[in-house]
Amino acid sequence: MSTMVKTIIEVAYIVVSIAIVIVVLMQEGKSSGLGAVTGSADTYWSKNKGRSAEGKLVRITTVLGALYIIGSLVLCKYMA
């Protein structure tokens, strides 16, 4: 593998790493507080989070996590 391709993969890996940190920090906490005790945690908002901005952040985190793992495997294989 050429030096240029290795450099591109390394830069992409760093960008994905920074992006995943930013997206995870943008997400809200998963604790439902006392609403879970009283049963009021099942609101319209909590049932439809997949279509909200929070749901999009979860999907972006999943994609970035997969890219991070794939990048790790590629770098381990070709950097050794």
PDB file of N, CA and C in Angstrom:
ATOM      1  N   MET A   1       0.853  -1.167   0.000  1.00  0.00           N
ATOM      2  CA  MET A   1       0.000   0.000   0.000  1.00  0.00           C
ATOM      3  C   MET A   1       0.898   1.229   0.000  1.00  0.00           C
ATOM      4  N   SER A   2       0.553   2.180  -0.815  1.00  0.00           N
ATOM      5  CA  SER A   2       1.411   3.355  -0.941  1.00  0.00           C
ATOM      6  C   SER A   2       1.289   4.262   0.277  1.00  0.00           C
ATOM      7  N   THR A   3       2.254   5.122   0.395  1.00  0.00           N
ATOM      8  CA  THR A   3       2.301   6.050   1.523  1.00  0.00           C
ATOM      9  C   THR A   3       1.127   7.018   1.487  1.00  0.00           C
ATOM     10  N   MET A   4       0.731   7.430   0.295  1.00  0.00           N
ATOM     11  CA  MET A   4      -0.373   8.374   0.163  1.00  0.00           C
ATOM     12  C   MET A   4      -1.692   7.766   0.636  1.00  0.00           C
ATOM     13  N   VAL A   5      -1.942   6.505   0.305  1.00  0.00           N
ATOM     14  CA  VAL A   5      -3.168   5.837   0.733  1.00  0.00           C
ATOM     15  C   VAL A   5      -3.177   5.666   2.252  1.00  0.00           C
ATOM     16  N   LYS A   6      -2.035   5.322   2.824  1.00  0.00           N
ATOM     17  CA  LYS A   6      -1.938   5.191   4.284  1.00  0.00           C
ATOM     18  C   LYS A   6      -2.243   6.517   4.963  1.00  0.00           C
ATOM     19  N   THR A   7      -1.719   7.603   4.406  1.00  0.00           N
ATOM     20  CA  THR A   7      -1.957   8.922   4.983  1.00  0.00           C
ATOM     21  C   THR A   7      -3.433   9.287   4.906  1.00  0.00           C
ATOM     22  N   ILE A   8      -4.080   8.989   3.793  1.00  0.00           N
ATOM     23  CA  ILE A   8      -5.507   9.279   3.642  1.00  0.00           C
ATOM     24  C   ILE A   8      -6.326   8.482   4.649  1.00  0.00           C
ATOM     25  N   ILE A   9      -5.994   7.216   4.831  1.00  0.00           N
ATOM     26  CA  ILE A   9      -6.712   6.381   5.799  1.00  0.00           C
ATOM     27  C   ILE A   9      -6.504   6.909   7.219  1.00  0.00           C
ATOM     28  N   GLU A  10      -5.297   7.310   7.549  1.00  0.00           N
ATOM     29  CA  GLU A  10      -5.018   7.837   8.886  1.00  0.00           C
ATOM     30  C   GLU A  10      -5.774   9.134   9.149  1.00  0.00           C
ATOM     31  N   VAL A  11      -5.807  10.023   8.165  1.00  0.00           N
ATOM     32  CA  VAL A  11      -6.525  11.293   8.337  1.00  0.00           C
ATOM     33  C   VAL A  11      -8.025  11.031   8.482  1.00  0.00           C
ATOM     34  N   ALA A  12      -8.573  10.136   7.664  1.00  0.00           N
ATOM     35  CA  ALA A  12      -9.990   9.798   7.770  1.00  0.00           C
ATOM     36  C   ALA A  12     -10.303   9.194   9.136  1.00  0.00           C
ATOM     37  N   TYR A  13      -9.402   8.373   9.652  1.00  0.00           N
ATOM     38  CA  TYR A  13      -9.586   7.752  10.968  1.00  0.00           C
ATOM     39  C   TYR A  13      -9.615   8.813  12.069  1.00  0.00           C
ATOM     40  N   ILE A  14      -8.746   9.788  11.961  1.00  0.00           N
ATOM     41  CA  ILE A  14      -8.706  10.871  12.951  1.00  0.00           C
ATOM     42  C   ILE A  14      -9.981  11.706  12.878  1.00  0.00           C
ATOM     43  N   VAL A  15     -10.452  11.991  11.661  1.00  0.00           N
ATOM     44  CA  VAL A  15     -11.686  12.764  11.497  1.00  0.00           C
ATOM     45  C   VAL A  15     -12.873  12.009  12.086  1.00  0.00           C
ATOM     46  N   VAL A  16     -12.960  10.709  11.830  1.00  0.00           N
ATOM     47  CA  VAL A  16     -14.048   9.894  12.395  1.00  0.00           C
ATOM     48  C   VAL A  16     -13.956   9.874  13.914  1.00  0.00           C
ATOM     49  N   SER A  17     -12.751   9.785  14.456  1.00  0.00           N
ATOM     50  CA  SER A  17     -12.567   9.766  15.908  1.00  0.00           C
ATOM     51  C   SER A  17     -13.066  11.062  16.540  1.00  0.00           C
ATOM     52  N   ILE A  18     -12.707  12.185  15.951  1.00  0.00           N
ATOM     53  CA  ILE A  18     -13.140  13.481  16.486  1.00  0.00           C
ATOM     54  C   ILE A  18     -14.648  13.633  16.333  1.00  0.00           C
ATOM     55  N   ALA A  19     -15.194  13.207  15.193  1.00  0.00           N
ATOM     56  CA  ALA A  19     -16.632  13.319  14.957  1.00  0.00           C
ATOM     57  C   ALA A  19     -17.435  12.489  15.945  1.00  0.00           C
ATOM     58  N   ILE A  20     -16.966  11.288  16.258  1.00  0.00           N
ATOM     59  CA  ILE A  20     -17.717  10.443  17.192  1.00  0.00           C
ATOM     60  C   ILE A  20     -17.708  11.039  18.596  1.00  0.00           C
ATOM     61  N   VAL A  21     -16.616  11.657  18.988  1.00  0.00           N
ATOM     62  CA  VAL A  21     -16.563  12.312  20.296  1.00  0.00           C
ATOM     63  C   VAL A  21     -17.557  13.472  20.345  1.00  0.00           C
ATOM     64  N   ILE A  22     -17.592  14.276  19.292  1.00  0.00           N
ATOM     65  CA  ILE A  22     -18.501  15.422  19.259  1.00  0.00           C
ATOM     66  C   ILE A  22     -19.959  14.975  19.280  1.00  0.00           C
ATOM     67  N   VAL A  23     -20.300  13.958  18.490  1.00  0.00           N
ATOM     68  CA  VAL A  23     -21.687  13.492  18.422  1.00  0.00           C
ATOM     69  C   VAL A  23     -22.124  12.882  19.747  1.00  0.00           C
ATOM     70  N   VAL A  24     -21.248  12.134  20.388  1.00  0.00           N
ATOM     71  CA  VAL A  24     -21.601  11.541  21.685  1.00  0.00           C
ATOM     72  C   VAL A  24     -21.810  12.637  22.737  1.00  0.00           C
ATOM     73  N   LEU A  25     -20.996  13.668  22.706  1.00  0.00           N
ATOM     74  CA  LEU A  25     -21.158  14.758  23.669  1.00  0.00           C
ATOM     75  C   LEU A  25     -22.427  15.576  23.404  1.00  0.00           C
ATOM     76  N   MET A  26     -22.927  15.582  22.193  1.00  0.00           N
ATOM     77  CA  MET A  26     -24.150  16.325  21.864  1.00  0.00           C
ATOM     78  C   MET A  26     -25.415  15.605  22.325  1.00  0.00           C
ATOM     79  N   GLN A  27     -25.321  14.309  22.602  1.00  0.00           N
ATOM     80  CA  GLN A  27     -26.512  13.541  22.971  1.00  0.00           C
ATOM     81  C   GLN A  27     -26.937  13.848  24.396  1.00  0.00           C
ATOM     82  N   GLU A  28     -28.240  13.665  24.633  1.00  0.00           N
ATOM     83  CA  GLU A  28     -28.782  13.831  25.974  1.00  0.00           C
ATOM     84  C   GLU A  28     -28.535  12.574  26.788  1.00  0.00           C
ATOM     85  N   GLY A  29     -28.661  12.691  28.109  1.00  0.00           N
ATOM     86  CA  GLY A  29     -28.519  11.538  28.976  1.00  0.00           C
ATOM     87  C   GLY A  29     -29.668  10.570  28.781  1.00  0.00           C
ATOM     88  N   LYS A  30     -29.440   9.298  29.068  1.00  0.00           N
ATOM     89  CA  LYS A  30     -30.469   8.278  28.889  1.00  0.00           C
ATOM     90  C   LYS A  30     -31.292   8.045  30.151  1.00  0.00           C
ATOM     91  N   SER A  31     -30.950   8.677  31.243  1.00  0.00           N
ATOM     92  CA  SER A  31     -31.697   8.448  32.474  1.00  0.00           C
ATOM     93  C   SER A  31     -33.047   9.148  32.388  1.00  0.00           C
ATOM     94  N   SER A  32     -34.081   8.445  32.794  1.00  0.00           N
ATOM     95  CA  SER A  32     -35.430   9.018  32.732  1.00  0.00           C
ATOM     96  C   SER A  32     -35.858   9.580  34.087  1.00  0.00           C
ATOM     97  N   GLY A  33     -34.986   9.534  35.052  1.00  0.00           N
ATOM     98  CA  GLY A  33     -35.276  10.132  36.347  1.00  0.00           C
ATOM     99  C   GLY A  33     -36.415   9.437  37.070  1.00  0.00           C
ATOM    100  N   LEU A  34     -37.196  10.203  37.802  1.00  0.00           N
ATOM    101  CA  LEU A  34     -38.307   9.638  38.561  1.00  0.00           C
ATOM    102  C   LEU A  34     -39.483   9.253  37.679  1.00  0.00           C
ATOM    103  N   GLY A  35     -39.459   9.658  36.416  1.00  0.00           N
ATOM    104  CA  GLY A  35     -40.541   9.281  35.505  1.00  0.00           C
ATOM    105  C   GLY A  35     -40.623   7.791  35.297  1.00  0.00           C
ATOM    106  N   ALA A  36     -39.508   7.097  35.414  1.00  0.00           N
ATOM    107  CA  ALA A  36     -39.508   5.647  35.243  1.00  0.00           C
ATOM    108  C   ALA A  36     -40.225   4.953  36.403  1.00  0.00           C
ATOM    109  N   VAL A  37     -40.192   5.557  37.576  1.00  0.00           N
ATOM    110  CA  VAL A  37     -40.836   4.959  38.747  1.00  0.00           C
ATOM    111  C   VAL A  37     -42.352   5.091  38.647  1.00  0.00           C
ATOM    112  N   THR A  38     -42.808   6.264  38.213  1.00  0.00           N
ATOM    113  CA  THR A  38     -44.248   6.511  38.176  1.00  0.00           C
ATOM    114  C   THR A  38     -44.899   6.055  36.883  1.00  0.00           C
ATOM    115  N   GLY A  39     -44.104   5.675  35.896  1.00  0.00           N
ATOM    116  CA  GLY A  39     -44.665   5.215  34.640  1.00  0.00           C
ATOM    117  C   GLY A  39     -44.898   6.323  33.642  1.00  0.00           C
ATOM    118  N   SER A  40     -44.517   7.530  33.968  1.00  0.00           N
ATOM    119  CA  SER A  40     -44.746   8.646  33.048  1.00  0.00           C
ATOM    120  C   SER A  40     -43.619   8.804  32.037  1.00  0.00           C
ATOM    121  N   ALA A  41     -42.719   7.846  31.988  1.00  0.00           N
ATOM    122  CA  ALA A  41     -41.607   7.926  31.042  1.00  0.00           C
ATOM    123  C   ALA A  41     -42.050   7.593  29.622  1.00  0.00           C
ATOM    124  N   ASP A  42     -43.197   6.910  29.456  1.00  0.00           N
ATOM    125  CA  ASP A  42     -43.698   6.553  28.138  1.00  0.00           C
ATOM    126  C   ASP A  42     -44.569   7.675  27.593  1.00  0.00           C
ATOM    127  N   THR A  43     -43.952   8.736  27.170  1.00  0.00           N
ATOM    128  CA  THR A  43     -44.673   9.853  26.592  1.00  0.00           C
ATOM    129  C   THR A  43     -44.581   9.774  25.079  1.00  0.00           C
ATOM    130  N   TYR A  44     -45.310  10.649  24.404  1.00  0.00           N
ATOM    131  CA  TYR A  44     -45.241  10.714  22.950  1.00  0.00           C
ATOM    132  C   TYR A  44     -43.814  11.003  22.520  1.00  0.00           C
ATOM    133  N   TRP A  45     -43.144  11.885  23.242  1.00  0.00           N
ATOM    134  CA  TRP A  45     -41.766  12.257  22.896  1.00  0.00           C
ATOM    135  C   TRP A  45     -40.829  11.065  23.008  1.00  0.00           C
ATOM    136  N   SER A  46     -40.939  10.283  24.072  1.00  0.00           N
ATOM    137  CA  SER A  46     -40.023   9.154  24.256  1.00  0.00           C
ATOM    138  C   SER A  46     -40.290   8.037  23.255  1.00  0.00           C
ATOM    139  N   LYS A  47     -41.534   7.904  22.797  1.00  0.00           N
ATOM    140  CA  LYS A  47     -41.856   6.856  21.831  1.00  0.00           C
ATOM    141  C   LYS A  47     -41.423   7.223  20.421  1.00  0.00           C
ATOM    142  N   ASN A  48     -41.293   8.504  20.121  1.00  0.00           N
ATOM    143  CA  ASN A  48     -40.982   8.954  18.773  1.00  0.00           C
ATOM    144  C   ASN A  48     -39.612   9.611  18.668  1.00  0.00           C
ATOM    145  N   LYS A  49     -38.700   9.228  19.509  1.00  0.00           N
ATOM    146  CA  LYS A  49     -37.370   9.813  19.466  1.00  0.00           C
ATOM    147  C   LYS A  49     -36.602   9.442  18.208  1.00  0.00           C
ATOM    148  N   GLY A  50     -36.964   8.346  17.561  1.00  0.00           N
ATOM    149  CA  GLY A  50     -36.275   7.922  16.354  1.00  0.00           C
ATOM    150  C   GLY A  50     -36.386   8.929  15.228  1.00  0.00           C
ATOM    151  N   ARG A  51     -37.459   9.709  15.237  1.00  0.00           N
ATOM    152  CA  ARG A  51     -37.668  10.708  14.186  1.00  0.00           C
ATOM    153  C   ARG A  51     -37.197  12.087  14.605  1.00  0.00           C
ATOM    154  N   SER A  52     -36.690  12.219  15.800  1.00  0.00           N
ATOM    155  CA  SER A  52     -36.262  13.520  16.298  1.00  0.00           C
ATOM    156  C   SER A  52     -34.763  13.719  16.067  1.00  0.00           C
ATOM    157  N   ALA A  53     -34.277  14.858  16.512  1.00  0.00           N
ATOM    158  CA  ALA A  53     -32.841  15.145  16.404  1.00  0.00           C
ATOM    159  C   ALA A  53     -32.042  14.152  17.246  1.00  0.00           C
ATOM    160  N   GLU A  54     -32.581  13.760  18.372  1.00  0.00           N
ATOM    161  CA  GLU A  54     -31.887  12.790  19.230  1.00  0.00           C
ATOM    162  C   GLU A  54     -31.762  11.439  18.536  1.00  0.00           C
ATOM    163  N   GLY A  55     -32.810  11.038  17.838  1.00  0.00           N
ATOM    164  CA  GLY A  55     -32.757   9.787  17.085  1.00  0.00           C
ATOM    165  C   GLY A  55     -31.733   9.830  15.967  1.00  0.00           C
ATOM    166  N   LYS A  56     -31.615  10.980  15.327  1.00  0.00           N
ATOM    167  CA  LYS A  56     -30.609  11.139  14.275  1.00  0.00           C
ATOM    168  C   LYS A  56     -29.199  11.059  14.851  1.00  0.00           C
ATOM    169  N   LEU A  57     -29.010  11.651  16.020  1.00  0.00           N
ATOM    170  CA  LEU A  57     -27.692  11.578  16.659  1.00  0.00           C
ATOM    171  C   LEU A  57     -27.332  10.137  17.011  1.00  0.00           C
ATOM    172  N   VAL A  58     -28.312   9.359  17.424  1.00  0.00           N
ATOM    173  CA  VAL A  58     -28.068   7.946  17.748  1.00  0.00           C
ATOM    174  C   VAL A  58     -27.650   7.186  16.495  1.00  0.00           C
ATOM    175  N   ARG A  59     -28.353   7.442  15.373  1.00  0.00           N
ATOM    176  CA  ARG A  59     -27.988   6.774  14.121  1.00  0.00           C
ATOM    177  C   ARG A  59     -26.604   7.201  13.639  1.00  0.00           C
ATOM    178  N   ILE A  60     -26.299   8.487  13.755  1.00  0.00           N
ATOM    179  CA  ILE A  60     -24.976   8.978  13.349  1.00  0.00           C
ATOM    180  C   ILE A  60     -23.895   8.338  14.212  1.00  0.00           C
ATOM    181  N   THR A  61     -24.155   8.208  15.508  1.00  0.00           N
ATOM    182  CA  THR A  61     -23.193   7.570  16.407  1.00  0.00           C
ATOM    183  C   THR A  61     -22.956   6.123  16.003  1.00  0.00           C
ATOM    184  N   THR A  62     -24.023   5.422  15.632  1.00  0.00           N
ATOM    185  CA  THR A  62     -23.890   4.027  15.213  1.00  0.00           C
ATOM    186  C   THR A  62     -23.035   3.906  13.952  1.00  0.00           C
ATOM    187  N   VAL A  63     -23.294   4.779  12.984  1.00  0.00           N
ATOM    188  CA  VAL A  63     -22.524   4.749  11.735  1.00  0.00           C
ATOM    189  C   VAL A  63     -21.065   5.101  11.994  1.00  0.00           C
ATOM    190  N   LEU A  64     -20.833   6.138  12.784  1.00  0.00           N
ATOM    191  CA  LEU A  64     -19.455   6.527  13.083  1.00  0.00           C
ATOM    192  C   LEU A  64     -18.723   5.442  13.875  1.00  0.00           C
ATOM    193  N   GLY A  65     -19.442   4.766  14.766  1.00  0.00           N
ATOM    194  CA  GLY A  65     -18.834   3.666  15.510  1.00  0.00           C
ATOM    195  C   GLY A  65     -18.414   2.528  14.595  1.00  0.00           C
ATOM    196  N   ALA A  66     -19.273   2.218  13.629  1.00  0.00           N
ATOM    197  CA  ALA A  66     -18.933   1.163  12.667  1.00  0.00           C
ATOM    198  C   ALA A  66     -17.728   1.576  11.821  1.00  0.00           C
ATOM    199  N   LEU A  67     -17.703   2.837  11.378  1.00  0.00           N
ATOM    200  CA  LEU A  67     -16.558   3.329  10.611  1.00  0.00           C
ATOM    201  C   LEU A  67     -15.276   3.305  11.441  1.00  0.00           C
ATOM    202  N   TYR A  68     -15.402   3.604  12.724  1.00  0.00           N
ATOM    203  CA  TYR A  68     -14.245   3.591  13.613  1.00  0.00           C
ATOM    204  C   TYR A  68     -13.672   2.176  13.737  1.00  0.00           C
ATOM    205  N   ILE A  69     -14.547   1.202  13.901  1.00  0.00           N
ATOM    206  CA  ILE A  69     -14.102  -0.198  14.019  1.00  0.00           C
ATOM    207  C   ILE A  69     -13.473  -0.675  12.717  1.00  0.00           C
ATOM    208  N   ILE A  70     -14.116  -0.354  11.597  1.00  0.00           N
ATOM    209  CA  ILE A  70     -13.561  -0.747  10.297  1.00  0.00           C
ATOM    210  C   ILE A  70     -12.206  -0.079  10.082  1.00  0.00           C
ATOM    211  N   GLY A  71     -12.113   1.186  10.424  1.00  0.00           N
ATOM    212  CA  GLY A  71     -10.834   1.900  10.303  1.00  0.00           C
ATOM    213  C   GLY A  71      -9.750   1.286  11.171  1.00  0.00           C
ATOM    214  N   SER A  72     -10.129   0.881  12.371  1.00  0.00           N
ATOM    215  CA  SER A  72      -9.159   0.232  13.263  1.00  0.00           C
ATOM    216  C   SER A  72      -8.635  -1.063  12.653  1.00  0.00           C
ATOM    217  N   LEU A  73      -9.553  -1.858  12.096  1.00  0.00           N
ATOM    218  CA  LEU A  73      -9.132  -3.120  11.492  1.00  0.00           C
ATOM    219  C   LEU A  73      -8.245  -2.905  10.278  1.00  0.00           C
ATOM    220  N   VAL A  74      -8.591  -1.927   9.458  1.00  0.00           N
ATOM    221  CA  VAL A  74      -7.791  -1.628   8.280  1.00  0.00           C
ATOM    222  C   VAL A  74      -6.403  -1.148   8.689  1.00  0.00           C
ATOM    223  N   LEU A  75      -6.347  -0.261   9.660  1.00  0.00           N
ATOM    224  CA  LEU A  75      -5.050   0.253  10.096  1.00  0.00           C
ATOM    225  C   LEU A  75      -4.209  -0.834  10.748  1.00  0.00           C
ATOM    226  N   CYS A  76      -4.827  -1.716  11.507  1.00  0.00           N
ATOM    227  CA  CYS A  76      -4.068  -2.814  12.127  1.00  0.00           C
ATOM    228  C   CYS A  76      -3.506  -3.757  11.083  1.00  0.00           C
ATOM    229  N   LYS A  77      -4.287  -4.026  10.057  1.00  0.00           N
ATOM    230  CA  LYS A  77      -3.837  -4.976   9.037  1.00  0.00           C
ATOM    231  C   LYS A  77      -2.707  -4.397   8.178  1.00  0.00           C
ATOM    232  N   TYR A  78      -2.846  -3.146   7.765  1.00  0.00           N
ATOM    233  CA  TYR A  78      -1.904  -2.580   6.819  1.00  0.00           C
ATOM    234  C   TYR A  78      -0.767  -1.799   7.453  1.00  0.00           C
ATOM    235  N   MET A  79      -0.826  -1.542   8.735  1.00  0.00           N
ATOM    236  CA  MET A  79       0.241  -0.799   9.382  1.00  0.00           C
ATOM    237  C   MET A  79       1.298  -1.711   9.991  1.00  0.00           C
ATOM    238  N   ALA A  80       0.982  -2.973  10.141  1.00  0.00           N
ATOM    239  CA  ALA A  80       1.924  -3.896  10.760  1.00  0.00           C
ATOM    240  C   ALA A  80       3.057  -4.282   9.827  1.00  0.00           C
TER     241      ALA A  80
END
